[in-house]
Amino acid sequence: MRLATFNLLHGRSITDGAVDLDRLAAAVRTLNPDILALQEVDLGQPRSHLADLTAIAAEAMGAV
């Protein structure tokens, strides 16, 4: 079993500060976790393009 923790920083990249939802999904897929603990998650906030970051992470890891 693979457990991971990921501080989403409200969807912002630590390298360039951009909110790139595809890059977020790719990062979750790279982690390939069975269980993923998330911190600093946004839902419907302008700073993260009104996205549901939990749903993006869940879809990327194949969670129900």
C-alpha atoms as a PDB file:
ATOM      1  CA  MET A   1       0.000   0.000   0.000  1.00  0.00           C
ATOM      2  CA  ARG A   2       1.295   3.448  -0.942  1.00  0.00           C
ATOM      3  CA  LEU A   3       0.341   6.384   1.297  1.00  0.00           C
ATOM      4  CA  ALA A   4       1.175   9.939   0.195  1.00  0.00           C
ATOM      5  CA  THR A   5       0.587  13.421   1.519  1.00  0.00           C
ATOM      6  CA  PHE A   6       0.404  16.431  -0.781  1.00  0.00           C
ATOM      7  CA  ASN A   7       0.117  20.109   0.112  1.00  0.00           C
ATOM      8  CA  LEU A   8      -1.721  21.489  -2.911  1.00  0.00           C
ATOM      9  CA  LEU A   9      -0.910  25.122  -2.037  1.00  0.00           C
ATOM     10  CA  HIS A  10      -4.374  26.011  -3.397  1.00  0.00           C
ATOM     11  CA  GLY A  11      -3.331  24.611  -6.773  1.00  0.00           C
ATOM     12  CA  ARG A  12      -0.272  26.854  -7.217  1.00  0.00           C
ATOM     13  CA  SER A  13       3.066  25.489  -8.393  1.00  0.00           C
ATOM     14  CA  ILE A  14       6.069  26.100  -6.146  1.00  0.00           C
ATOM     15  CA  THR A  15       8.257  26.660  -9.206  1.00  0.00           C
ATOM     16  CA  ASP A  16       6.327  29.371 -11.033  1.00  0.00           C
ATOM     17  CA  GLY A  17       3.220  30.156  -8.945  1.00  0.00           C
ATOM     18  CA  ALA A  18       0.898  29.216 -11.808  1.00  0.00           C
ATOM     19  CA  VAL A  19      -2.326  27.286 -11.305  1.00  0.00           C
ATOM     20  CA  ASP A  20      -2.163  24.460 -13.840  1.00  0.00           C
ATOM     21  CA  LEU A  21      -4.788  21.814 -13.183  1.00  0.00           C
ATOM     22  CA  ASP A  22      -3.313  19.386 -15.717  1.00  0.00           C
ATOM     23  CA  ARG A  23       0.061  19.645 -13.980  1.00  0.00           C
ATOM     24  CA  LEU A  24      -1.651  18.971 -10.639  1.00  0.00           C
ATOM     25  CA  ALA A  25      -3.300  15.843 -12.032  1.00  0.00           C
ATOM     26  CA  ALA A  26       0.001  14.676 -13.524  1.00  0.00           C
ATOM     27  CA  ALA A  27       1.729  15.120 -10.157  1.00  0.00           C
ATOM     28  CA  VAL A  28      -0.914  12.989  -8.431  1.00  0.00           C
ATOM     29  CA  ARG A  29      -0.572  10.298 -11.102  1.00  0.00           C
ATOM     30  CA  THR A  30       3.209  10.342 -10.583  1.00  0.00           C
ATOM     31  CA  LEU A  31       2.726   9.738  -6.862  1.00  0.00           C
ATOM     32  CA  ASN A  32       0.498   6.750  -7.709  1.00  0.00           C
ATOM     33  CA  PRO A  33      -0.972   6.582  -4.180  1.00  0.00           C
ATOM     34  CA  ASP A  34      -3.511   4.170  -2.756  1.00  0.00           C
ATOM     35  CA  ILE A  35      -4.303   6.746  -0.065  1.00  0.00           C
ATOM     36  CA  LEU A  36      -3.708  10.461  -0.565  1.00  0.00           C
ATOM     37  CA  ALA A  37      -3.883  13.021   2.257  1.00  0.00           C
ATOM     38  CA  LEU A  38      -4.388  16.566   0.946  1.00  0.00           C
ATOM     39  CA  GLN A  39      -3.692  19.920   2.559  1.00  0.00           C
ATOM     40  CA  GLU A  40      -4.568  23.471   1.437  1.00  0.00           C
ATOM     41  CA  VAL A  41      -7.283  22.295  -0.930  1.00  0.00           C
ATOM     42  CA  ASP A  42      -9.635  24.704  -2.718  1.00  0.00           C
ATOM     43  CA  LEU A  43     -13.176  24.257  -3.934  1.00  0.00           C
ATOM     44  CA  GLY A  44     -14.688  26.985  -6.082  1.00  0.00           C
ATOM     45  CA  GLN A  45     -12.131  29.662  -5.202  1.00  0.00           C
ATOM     46  CA  PRO A  46     -11.100  32.304  -7.758  1.00  0.00           C
ATOM     47  CA  ARG A  47      -7.396  31.810  -6.905  1.00  0.00           C
ATOM     48  CA  SER A  48      -7.612  28.234  -8.216  1.00  0.00           C
ATOM     49  CA  HIS A  49      -9.864  28.924 -11.216  1.00  0.00           C
ATOM     50  CA  LEU A  50     -13.003  27.827  -9.301  1.00  0.00           C
ATOM     51  CA  ALA A  51     -11.790  24.210  -9.543  1.00  0.00           C
ATOM     52  CA  ASP A  52     -12.581  21.299  -7.232  1.00  0.00           C
ATOM     53  CA  LEU A  53      -9.006  20.290  -6.419  1.00  0.00           C
ATOM     54  CA  THR A  54     -10.125  17.220  -4.461  1.00  0.00           C
ATOM     55  CA  ALA A  55     -12.054  15.929  -7.469  1.00  0.00           C
ATOM     56  CA  ILE A  56      -9.082  16.539  -9.768  1.00  0.00           C
ATOM     57  CA  ALA A  57      -6.768  14.608  -7.438  1.00  0.00           C
ATOM     58  CA  ALA A  58      -9.296  11.801  -6.989  1.00  0.00           C
ATOM     59  CA  GLU A  59      -9.816  11.383 -10.717  1.00  0.00           C
ATOM     60  CA  ALA A  60      -6.063  11.418 -11.356  1.00  0.00           C
ATOM     61  CA  MET A  61      -5.517   8.558  -8.905  1.00  0.00           C
ATOM     62  CA  GLY A  62      -8.556   6.595 -10.064  1.00  0.00           C
ATOM     63  CA  ALA A  63     -10.468   7.007  -6.802  1.00  0.00           C
ATOM     64  CA  VAL A  64     -14.205   6.579  -6.676  1.00  0.00           C
END
